[in-house]
Amino acid sequence: MSVESKRALLQGEREVKNGAAVRKVLLLGFHVGEAYFERYSAGDKFPQVAAYKLESRFIEALRLAGLRVDTLATIAVSTFPRIKRVWLPGKLLPGNGQGVGRVMPFVNLPVIKMLTRCVGSFYGLLRMGRRTDAICVYAAHSPNLLAAYLYSKLCKKPFFVYVPDLPSFMDVALGRGRLLKLLKKLDASLLSGLLASSNGLVVISRPMVEDYPAWRSKPYMVLEGISSSSSGPVTVAGSGRKQMIFYAGGVNRSYGIVELVEGFLRSGIDYELVLCGRGDLEGYLTDVCARHASVKYLGFVSPERVPQLQGAASLLLLTRNPAERYTRYSFPSKLIEYMSAGIPVLTTRLAGIPDEYFDYINVIEEFSIDAVARALVDFSAADKQNLYDKAARGKVWVLETKSSRAVGKQLVEFMENNK
C-alpha cells in the first residue's frame, strides 16, 4: 500500500471515529471587509484596528489550513453618541472562492445595540449555517455568543470561541458609572455560562482558563496572536537622521504612555520618540510635543503606514503596567507585529506574555518613569549588533511558529478533536 493510500485510510478512520471532518466553518464576529470598516469607523475615537487585523489573520489561518470560511458580522464601533452613527447598514461581501460574507445591520444605541445585534446574528446563522460543519465565534461578546448557543442547540452544530480579551477588562480607557459597572457584572455572568457551553475555547493567555473555574474543564488551546503573512524586510534608519523610538497603539494612561514619554525625556538619550494612535492622552501628547522637539505625536495613522514607521525605527517600545490586572488576561497585540519587523523590542514583563518570548525581546524590569529611563539609557549604550541579532532570531521564531499557516493547522486539529 502506498504512503498516500495509508494516509487516506487513516484520514477515513479518523472521520468515522469523530464524525465528518470539519471542512466548512461559519465565523461569527466583526469582520466586515476593509471598505466597510474604514467607512463606518471614521470618526470613532477608539477604532478597533488591532482587533480587526487579528480577526482577519484568524480567518486567513483557517483558510490556509484548507477550510472554507464564511463570515457573518456586525461592525465593532463605539456606541452613540461616542460615534455619530445610529444605524449601521447591512451588506453582502463578495466571495473569493474561499467563502462569502454577510454584514448584519443593527441600531447603535445603548441596550438596543445588543438586542439588535443578537437578533441579527441569530437570523444570519439560520440563513448561513445550514451547510457549515462548525460555528466559530470571534470574541467573548454576549449577543453573538447567545445567538451561537441558541443556534447550536437548535441545529446540533458545534461551536467554538476565540477569546482575545476578557470583556471585564476591556475599555480600560473609559470611565464607568455604577449602572454600567452593574451591567458589566451581569454580562460577565452570562458570558461565563455561554463560554462554558461551547465545544472548546481558543484563549489569548493561559491564565484566562486557570483563573476561571467554569472554564477549567473545557478543551482549550492558547493562541496569543498571528503574524502577518506579508512581513517585509527590515529597513534600518539611516545614519543621516536622528535614531527613532516608535510606539503604535492606544495612547491611554492605562497603557503606560505617561511613563513611556516621561521616561524617555528623563533618559536624555539622543533619539526621537514617535507615537501614533488614539486615546485619552491625545491632549497630553500634543502639549508635550509643543514643549519638546524630540517627541512627535502623529495621531491616528493608517494601518498601511504603520509598518513603514516601524521599519524606520531603531527600537519598538511597550510600557504597560504589570500590576494592572488586565495584563494577566491579555497579550499586547502589537508585540507579534513588532517582532515580525525584526527590530529590537523593549517591553515591561507582563503575565500574559509567555516565557519563550523573552528569549527574543528586551525587558524593562520595573514599571516607573525612572525604570523606563534606565532601560532606555542601557539600550542606547548596548552593542547594536547584538540587539539586532536577537531581534532577527525573534523574527524567524515568530514567522515559523505564529504564522497563519502554522496556526491554521493547530486550529483545525483542535476543532476536529473537540467537535
Foldseek 3Di string as FASTA:
>chain_A
DDPVVVVVVVVVVLCVVLPHAFAEEEEEEAADDDVLLVVQQPQALARPVLLNVQVVLLVVLQVLLRHQYAYEHEHDGAAPPSPPDQKRPKDWADDDVRYTYIYHIAGRHPPRRLVRLLVRLLVVCVVPVPPGQAYEYEALDLSNLVSRLVCCVVVVHAYEYEHQFQPVCPPVQDDDDPVRNVVSVVSNVSSLVSNLPHLEYEALFPVVQVVRPSRVPHHYHHANGFADPPLDAAAEADPVDFAEEEEEDECGVQQLNVLLVLLQVVLPDRHAYEYEGGGDCPVVLVVVVVVDVSYYYDYHDDPVCVLVVLSHHQEYEGAHAQVPPRLLRHHPSCPLVSLLNLHAYEYADHNRDDPVLVQQHHYQDHHGSNSSSVSVNCVVPDDSVVRSVSSNVSNVVNCVCRHSNNVNVVVSVSVSVRD
